[in-house]
Amino acid sequence: MKILITGAAGFIGFHLSKRLVELGHVVVGIDNINDYYDVNLKYDRLNELGIKRTEASSFYKECRSELFSNFKFVRIHLEDKEELSNLFKIEKFDVVCNLAAQAGVRYSIENPDTYIQSNIVGYLNILECCRNYNIKHLVYASSSSVYGTNAKVPFSEDDKVDHPVSLYAATKKSNELMAHTYSHLYKIATTGLRFFTVYGPFGRPDMAPMLFADAITSSRPIKVFNYGSMERDFTYIDDIVEGIKRVIEKPIKKRDLYKIYNIGNNDSVKLLDFINEIETNLEKKAEKVMLPIQAGDVEITWANVDKLILDFGYKPKTGIAEGVKKFIGWFLVYHKFK
């Protein structure tokens, strides 16, 4: 199977690309390598895929992996409709997995234009390319943030998602609506995956696990919002990748042209318990600064993944004790805290 993965230099995109090429799929990864966070981490991920920084830094250049004969990378903006269309025309993909997006709930409040360009305009270009080049299946990243202030837990795909509390969440809800339109009008199979809090090696530095680990090892205080009364469905990256892989590889039935699934650990963990696991593995206590909840944030996330279990046999199996241990093991090596 020939698969396009957008956001291949990102956290989930990198891990998914690596897994799929190891399974023998032909994968083309694209990313614009923006500076929302440290680009060195993005280039380090690509290096793990056999793509050298000197090659990947140039736009529109086909970079072939030195480690995997079935992987190549192109730096490109999703907003560049012409170049994106050319790529689809040349490569003739079977499946597209769109993981590229401007991430971050809090950042969306400060930089709304970026989210519209990447998450709406760029996503529309992906949909148009899928329509014009007969893509069999579009799998795309949605987010648990679409549930907004939903008070019923765990969150179910049948719950209403009409009240997003951040622009980031609104763009993800828009992606689901746009996918529905293209599935209805053009009979394109689309599957949206609502990701819950993903963590693990090579994770994003703006997310809590990396922020906490970095601050604790550097003897800086950590910010704990909502005075510690937060709960998250922390999901280890390997479980997320396994779920996406199953969705990509399973043939689509005509009656299933438009689908939405939660993908998470099927559990809700208190933030303070998660911090405690980090402290245990670092063998160092954190200095905690308790703060009120931030604008655009929610108190709890918890995924009901029954539908993903039923349709794809998905079963998350990494608890936070094991997941945090693996994450911190990588963190200490990568950041050379020994």
Protein backbone atom coordinates (compact mmCIF):
# COMPACT_ATOMS: atom_id res chain seq x y z
CA MET A 1 0.00 0.00 0.00
CA LYS A 2 1.26 3.49 -0.85
CA ILE A 3 0.51 5.99 1.91
CA LEU A 4 0.92 9.74 2.23
CA ILE A 5 1.52 10.93 5.78
CA THR A 6 1.24 14.66 6.33
CA GLY A 7 3.00 16.00 9.42
CA ALA A 8 5.66 13.29 9.13
CA ALA A 9 8.18 15.34 11.12
CA GLY A 10 5.64 15.70 13.91
CA PHE A 11 5.29 13.52 16.98
CA ILE A 12 2.58 11.10 15.83
CA GLY A 13 3.49 11.35 12.14
CA PHE A 14 7.08 10.31 12.79
CA HIS A 15 6.13 7.26 14.86
CA LEU A 16 3.45 6.21 12.38
CA SER A 17 5.81 6.60 9.40
CA LYS A 18 8.43 4.44 11.10
CA ARG A 19 5.93 1.72 11.96
CA LEU A 20 4.42 1.58 8.47
CA VAL A 21 7.74 1.43 6.60
CA GLU A 22 8.91 -1.32 8.95
CA LEU A 23 5.77 -3.24 7.96
CA GLY A 24 6.67 -2.87 4.29
CA HIS A 25 4.29 -0.12 3.19
CA VAL A 26 5.57 2.55 0.80
CA VAL A 27 5.36 5.86 2.66
CA VAL A 28 5.80 9.43 1.48
CA GLY A 29 6.04 11.91 4.34
CA ILE A 30 5.50 15.63 4.05
CA ASP A 31 5.85 18.46 6.57
CA ASN A 32 6.54 22.20 6.48
CA ILE A 33 8.85 21.96 9.53
CA ASN A 34 7.54 25.20 11.02
CA ASP A 35 9.03 26.78 14.13
CA TYR A 36 6.01 26.44 16.45
CA TYR A 37 8.48 24.53 18.61
CA ASP A 38 12.18 23.64 18.32
CA VAL A 39 12.84 22.49 14.76
CA ASN A 40 15.85 20.50 15.95
CA LEU A 41 13.47 17.93 17.43
CA LYS A 42 11.66 17.67 14.09
CA TYR A 43 14.92 17.14 12.21
CA ASP A 44 15.98 14.57 14.82
CA ARG A 45 12.78 12.63 14.16
CA LEU A 46 13.43 12.72 10.43
CA ASN A 47 16.98 11.56 11.05
CA GLU A 48 15.53 8.47 12.76
CA LEU A 49 13.75 7.83 9.46
CA GLY A 50 16.99 8.15 7.50
CA ILE A 51 16.38 11.70 6.25
CA LYS A 52 19.30 14.08 6.70
CA ARG A 53 18.71 17.67 7.80
CA THR A 54 20.80 19.03 4.93
CA GLU A 55 18.37 17.39 2.52
CA ALA A 56 15.08 17.96 4.37
CA SER A 57 15.61 21.69 4.96
CA SER A 58 14.95 22.54 1.30
CA PHE A 59 11.37 22.96 0.11
CA TYR A 60 9.95 20.74 -2.65
CA LYS A 61 13.00 18.48 -2.75
CA GLU A 62 12.45 14.73 -2.81
CA CYS A 63 14.57 13.23 -0.03
CA ARG A 64 15.11 9.47 -0.05
CA SER A 65 15.74 7.68 3.21
CA GLU A 66 19.17 6.22 3.88
CA LEU A 67 17.60 3.63 6.19
CA PHE A 68 14.34 2.64 4.49
CA SER A 69 14.09 2.11 0.73
CA ASN A 70 10.30 2.52 1.02
CA PHE A 71 10.33 5.98 2.62
CA LYS A 72 10.90 9.45 1.22
CA PHE A 73 10.21 12.95 2.46
CA VAL A 74 9.26 16.28 0.87
CA ARG A 75 9.13 19.60 2.70
CA ILE A 76 5.95 21.34 1.62
CA HIS A 77 3.17 23.58 2.93
CA LEU A 78 -0.37 22.17 2.82
CA GLU A 79 -1.47 25.67 1.86
CA ASP A 80 0.55 25.36 -1.38
CA LYS A 81 -2.24 23.88 -3.48
CA GLU A 82 -0.26 23.63 -6.70
CA GLU A 83 2.72 21.77 -5.25
CA LEU A 84 0.46 19.50 -3.21
CA SER A 85 -1.56 18.66 -6.31
CA ASN A 86 1.61 17.86 -8.24
CA LEU A 87 2.70 15.48 -5.51
CA PHE A 88 -0.62 13.62 -5.62
CA LYS A 89 -0.49 13.46 -9.41
CA ILE A 90 3.00 11.95 -9.44
CA GLU A 91 2.75 9.56 -6.48
CA LYS A 92 -0.74 8.08 -6.96
CA PHE A 93 -1.40 7.30 -3.29
CA ASP A 94 -3.78 4.61 -2.08
CA VAL A 95 -4.38 6.14 1.35
CA VAL A 96 -3.78 9.59 2.84
CA CYS A 97 -3.24 10.06 6.58
CA ASN A 98 -3.50 13.75 7.41
CA LEU A 99 -1.77 14.45 10.72
CA ALA A 100 -0.44 17.88 9.80
CA ALA A 101 -2.04 20.76 11.70
CA GLN A 102 -1.18 23.78 13.74
CA ALA A 103 -1.41 22.29 17.22
CA GLY A 104 -1.94 23.79 20.65
CA VAL A 105 -5.09 25.00 22.39
CA ARG A 106 -3.47 27.95 24.16
CA TYR A 107 -1.43 29.07 21.15
CA SER A 108 -4.62 29.29 19.07
CA ILE A 109 -5.87 32.12 21.28
CA GLU A 110 -2.77 34.20 20.50
CA ASN A 111 -2.27 33.26 16.83
CA PRO A 112 -5.66 32.53 15.24
CA ASP A 113 -4.61 33.23 11.63
CA THR A 114 -2.11 30.37 11.68
CA TYR A 115 -4.85 27.90 12.58
CA ILE A 116 -7.15 29.00 9.77
CA GLN A 117 -4.39 28.71 7.16
CA SER A 118 -3.07 25.32 8.24
CA ASN A 119 -6.10 23.58 9.73
CA ILE A 120 -8.77 24.89 7.36
CA VAL A 121 -7.14 26.02 4.10
CA GLY A 122 -4.48 23.30 4.16
CA TYR A 123 -7.05 20.65 5.06
CA LEU A 124 -9.34 21.78 2.23
CA ASN A 125 -6.43 21.32 -0.18
CA ILE A 126 -6.00 17.75 1.09
CA LEU A 127 -9.69 17.05 0.53
CA GLU A 128 -9.54 18.50 -2.97
CA CYS A 129 -6.52 16.38 -3.84
CA CYS A 130 -8.28 13.28 -2.50
CA ARG A 131 -11.24 14.10 -4.73
CA ASN A 132 -9.20 14.85 -7.84
CA TYR A 133 -6.83 11.90 -7.58
CA ASN A 134 -9.21 9.11 -6.53
CA ILE A 135 -7.82 8.44 -3.06
CA LYS A 136 -9.38 5.29 -1.60
CA HIS A 137 -9.34 6.44 2.02
CA LEU A 138 -8.55 9.62 3.94
CA VAL A 139 -7.67 9.11 7.60
CA TYR A 140 -7.31 12.39 9.48
CA ALA A 141 -6.52 13.70 12.93
CA SER A 142 -9.33 15.23 14.92
CA SER A 143 -9.06 15.92 18.64
CA SER A 144 -10.66 15.30 22.02
CA SER A 145 -10.88 19.08 22.27
CA VAL A 146 -14.03 19.00 20.10
CA TYR A 147 -15.94 17.81 23.20
CA GLY A 148 -15.43 21.22 24.77
CA THR A 149 -17.08 21.52 28.17
CA ASN A 150 -18.98 18.24 27.81
CA ALA A 151 -19.79 17.20 31.39
CA LYS A 152 -20.62 13.55 30.62
CA VAL A 153 -17.69 11.15 30.89
CA PRO A 154 -16.34 9.10 29.32
CA PHE A 155 -16.73 11.01 26.05
CA SER A 156 -18.63 9.14 23.34
CA GLU A 157 -18.69 9.78 19.59
CA ASP A 158 -22.46 10.13 19.97
CA ASP A 159 -22.11 13.15 22.28
CA LYS A 160 -22.82 16.59 20.86
CA VAL A 161 -19.72 18.59 19.96
CA ASP A 162 -21.30 21.94 19.19
CA HIS A 163 -19.57 24.03 21.86
CA PRO A 164 -15.78 24.19 21.31
CA VAL A 165 -13.94 26.41 23.79
CA SER A 166 -10.87 27.20 21.66
CA LEU A 167 -10.23 28.06 18.02
CA TYR A 168 -8.08 24.94 17.74
CA ALA A 169 -11.07 22.82 18.76
CA ALA A 170 -13.29 24.72 16.33
CA THR A 171 -10.92 23.96 13.43
CA LYS A 172 -10.95 20.26 14.32
CA LYS A 173 -14.74 20.23 14.42
CA SER A 174 -14.67 22.00 11.05
CA ASN A 175 -12.41 19.26 9.66
CA GLU A 176 -15.01 16.65 10.61
CA LEU A 177 -17.79 18.63 8.92
CA MET A 178 -15.71 19.17 5.78
CA ALA A 179 -14.90 15.46 5.63
CA HIS A 180 -18.59 14.63 5.92
CA THR A 181 -19.36 16.96 3.00
CA TYR A 182 -16.73 15.36 0.75
CA SER A 183 -17.80 11.86 1.72
CA HIS A 184 -21.40 12.74 0.87
CA LEU A 185 -20.75 14.61 -2.36
CA TYR A 186 -17.86 12.64 -3.84
CA LYS A 187 -18.12 9.23 -2.11
CA ILE A 188 -14.66 9.58 -0.55
CA ALA A 189 -14.07 7.30 2.44
CA THR A 190 -13.01 9.45 5.39
CA THR A 191 -12.19 8.38 8.93
CA GLY A 192 -11.61 10.96 11.66
CA LEU A 193 -9.69 9.99 14.79
CA ARG A 194 -10.26 12.07 17.91
CA PHE A 195 -6.89 11.86 19.64
CA PHE A 196 -6.72 12.11 23.40
CA THR A 197 -3.57 13.25 25.26
CA VAL A 198 -0.71 11.45 23.49
CA TYR A 199 2.74 11.14 25.08
CA GLY A 200 5.96 9.20 24.63
CA PRO A 201 9.48 9.44 23.14
CA PHE A 202 10.04 12.37 20.76
CA GLY A 203 6.89 14.03 22.13
CA ARG A 204 6.07 17.69 21.59
CA PRO A 205 7.98 19.98 23.97
CA ASP A 206 4.94 22.22 24.49
CA MET A 207 2.90 19.40 26.02
CA ALA A 208 2.71 18.64 29.74
CA PRO A 209 4.89 15.49 29.94
CA MET A 210 7.85 17.18 28.25
CA LEU A 211 7.34 20.44 30.13
CA PHE A 212 7.21 18.63 33.45
CA ALA A 213 10.22 16.40 32.78
CA ASP A 214 12.32 19.31 31.54
CA ALA A 215 11.43 21.56 34.48
CA ILE A 216 11.97 18.88 37.14
CA THR A 217 15.38 17.83 35.79
CA SER A 218 16.38 21.50 35.58
CA SER A 219 15.13 22.22 39.14
CA ARG A 220 12.51 24.67 37.90
CA PRO A 221 8.97 24.81 39.27
CA ILE A 222 6.17 23.29 37.20
CA LYS A 223 2.84 24.98 36.55
CA VAL A 224 -0.14 22.88 37.65
CA PHE A 225 -3.38 24.38 36.34
CA ASN A 226 -6.83 24.19 37.89
CA TYR A 227 -4.99 23.74 41.20
CA GLY A 228 -4.25 20.14 40.31
CA SER A 229 -7.88 19.14 39.69
CA MET A 230 -7.28 18.07 36.10
CA GLU A 231 -7.76 14.63 34.59
CA ARG A 232 -6.52 13.46 31.20
CA ASP A 233 -6.83 10.30 29.13
CA PHE A 234 -3.05 9.95 28.74
CA THR A 235 -2.37 7.61 25.81
CA TYR A 236 1.04 6.15 25.00
CA ILE A 237 2.24 6.70 21.45
CA ASP A 238 2.57 2.98 20.59
CA ASP A 239 -1.14 2.44 21.31
CA ILE A 240 -2.06 5.41 19.13
CA VAL A 241 0.09 4.16 16.24
CA GLU A 242 -1.38 0.67 16.49
CA GLY A 243 -4.87 2.12 16.26
CA ILE A 244 -4.08 4.28 13.22
CA LYS A 245 -2.35 1.36 11.51
CA ARG A 246 -5.45 -0.80 11.92
CA VAL A 247 -7.66 1.90 10.46
CA ILE A 248 -5.35 2.40 7.47
CA GLU A 249 -4.93 -1.29 6.67
CA LYS A 250 -8.57 -2.44 6.97
CA PRO A 251 -10.55 -2.28 3.71
CA ILE A 252 -13.39 0.24 3.75
CA LYS A 253 -16.97 -0.89 3.17
CA LYS A 254 -19.24 1.34 1.10
CA ARG A 255 -21.61 1.88 4.01
CA ASP A 256 -18.71 3.20 6.10
CA LEU A 257 -17.71 6.16 3.91
CA TYR A 258 -17.79 8.60 6.86
CA LYS A 259 -16.67 7.51 10.31
CA ILE A 260 -15.49 9.21 13.53
CA TYR A 261 -13.70 7.37 16.33
CA ASN A 262 -12.23 8.23 19.70
CA ILE A 263 -8.69 6.92 20.09
CA GLY A 264 -7.32 7.00 23.62
CA ASN A 265 -6.37 4.87 26.60
CA ASN A 266 -9.99 4.39 27.71
CA ASP A 267 -9.14 5.76 31.15
CA SER A 268 -8.87 9.08 32.94
CA VAL A 269 -5.82 9.80 35.10
CA LYS A 270 -5.46 12.57 37.64
CA LEU A 271 -2.79 15.02 36.55
CA LEU A 272 -1.12 14.85 39.96
CA ASP A 273 -0.85 11.05 39.64
CA PHE A 274 0.81 11.46 36.25
CA ILE A 275 3.25 13.97 37.74
CA ASN A 276 3.97 11.52 40.54
CA GLU A 277 4.98 8.87 37.99
CA ILE A 278 7.38 11.34 36.37
CA GLU A 279 8.84 12.20 39.79
CA THR A 280 9.28 8.50 40.61
CA ASN A 281 11.14 7.77 37.38
CA LEU A 282 13.31 10.88 37.67
CA GLU A 283 13.87 10.17 41.38
CA LYS A 284 13.24 13.85 42.04
CA LYS A 285 10.29 15.79 43.45
CA ALA A 286 8.73 18.65 41.57
CA GLU A 287 8.19 22.11 42.94
CA LYS A 288 4.55 22.75 42.03
CA VAL A 289 3.00 26.15 41.39
CA MET A 290 -0.79 25.78 41.61
CA LEU A 291 -2.67 28.03 39.17
CA PRO A 292 -6.29 28.49 38.00
CA ILE A 293 -7.51 26.81 34.83
CA GLN A 294 -6.45 28.55 31.62
CA ALA A 295 -8.75 29.93 28.95
CA GLY A 296 -9.66 27.28 26.38
CA ASP A 297 -8.75 24.39 28.69
CA VAL A 298 -11.08 21.71 30.07
CA GLU A 299 -11.05 19.91 33.42
CA ILE A 300 -11.30 16.31 32.21
CA THR A 301 -10.89 14.17 29.11
CA TRP A 302 -11.77 10.49 28.95
CA ALA A 303 -12.28 8.44 25.80
CA ASN A 304 -14.89 5.78 25.30
CA VAL A 305 -13.19 3.65 22.62
CA ASP A 306 -15.85 0.93 22.33
CA LYS A 307 -16.47 1.68 18.64
CA LEU A 308 -12.79 1.43 17.75
CA ILE A 309 -12.59 -1.84 19.68
CA LEU A 310 -15.66 -3.21 17.88
CA ASP A 311 -14.66 -2.21 14.35
CA PHE A 312 -10.88 -2.65 14.51
CA GLY A 313 -10.07 -4.79 17.54
CA TYR A 314 -8.20 -1.82 19.06
CA LYS A 315 -7.03 -2.36 22.60
CA PRO A 316 -4.73 0.13 24.38
CA LYS A 317 -2.36 -1.79 26.63
CA THR A 318 0.15 0.71 28.02
CA GLY A 319 -0.70 2.03 31.47
CA ILE A 320 0.88 5.22 32.79
CA ALA A 321 3.42 3.35 34.95
CA GLU A 322 4.88 1.58 31.91
CA GLY A 323 4.37 4.49 29.53
CA VAL A 324 5.98 7.12 31.75
CA LYS A 325 8.91 4.78 32.45
CA LYS A 326 9.56 4.42 28.71
CA PHE A 327 9.11 8.13 28.10
CA ILE A 328 11.49 9.18 30.87
CA GLY A 329 14.03 6.56 29.75
CA TRP A 330 14.09 8.19 26.31
CA PHE A 331 14.03 11.71 27.77
CA LEU A 332 17.12 11.17 29.91
CA VAL A 333 19.11 9.80 27.00
CA TYR A 334 17.94 12.40 24.48
CA HIS A 335 18.59 15.34 26.79
CA LYS A 336 21.71 13.74 28.26
CA PHE A 337 20.60 14.05 31.88
CA LYS A 338 22.62 11.17 33.33
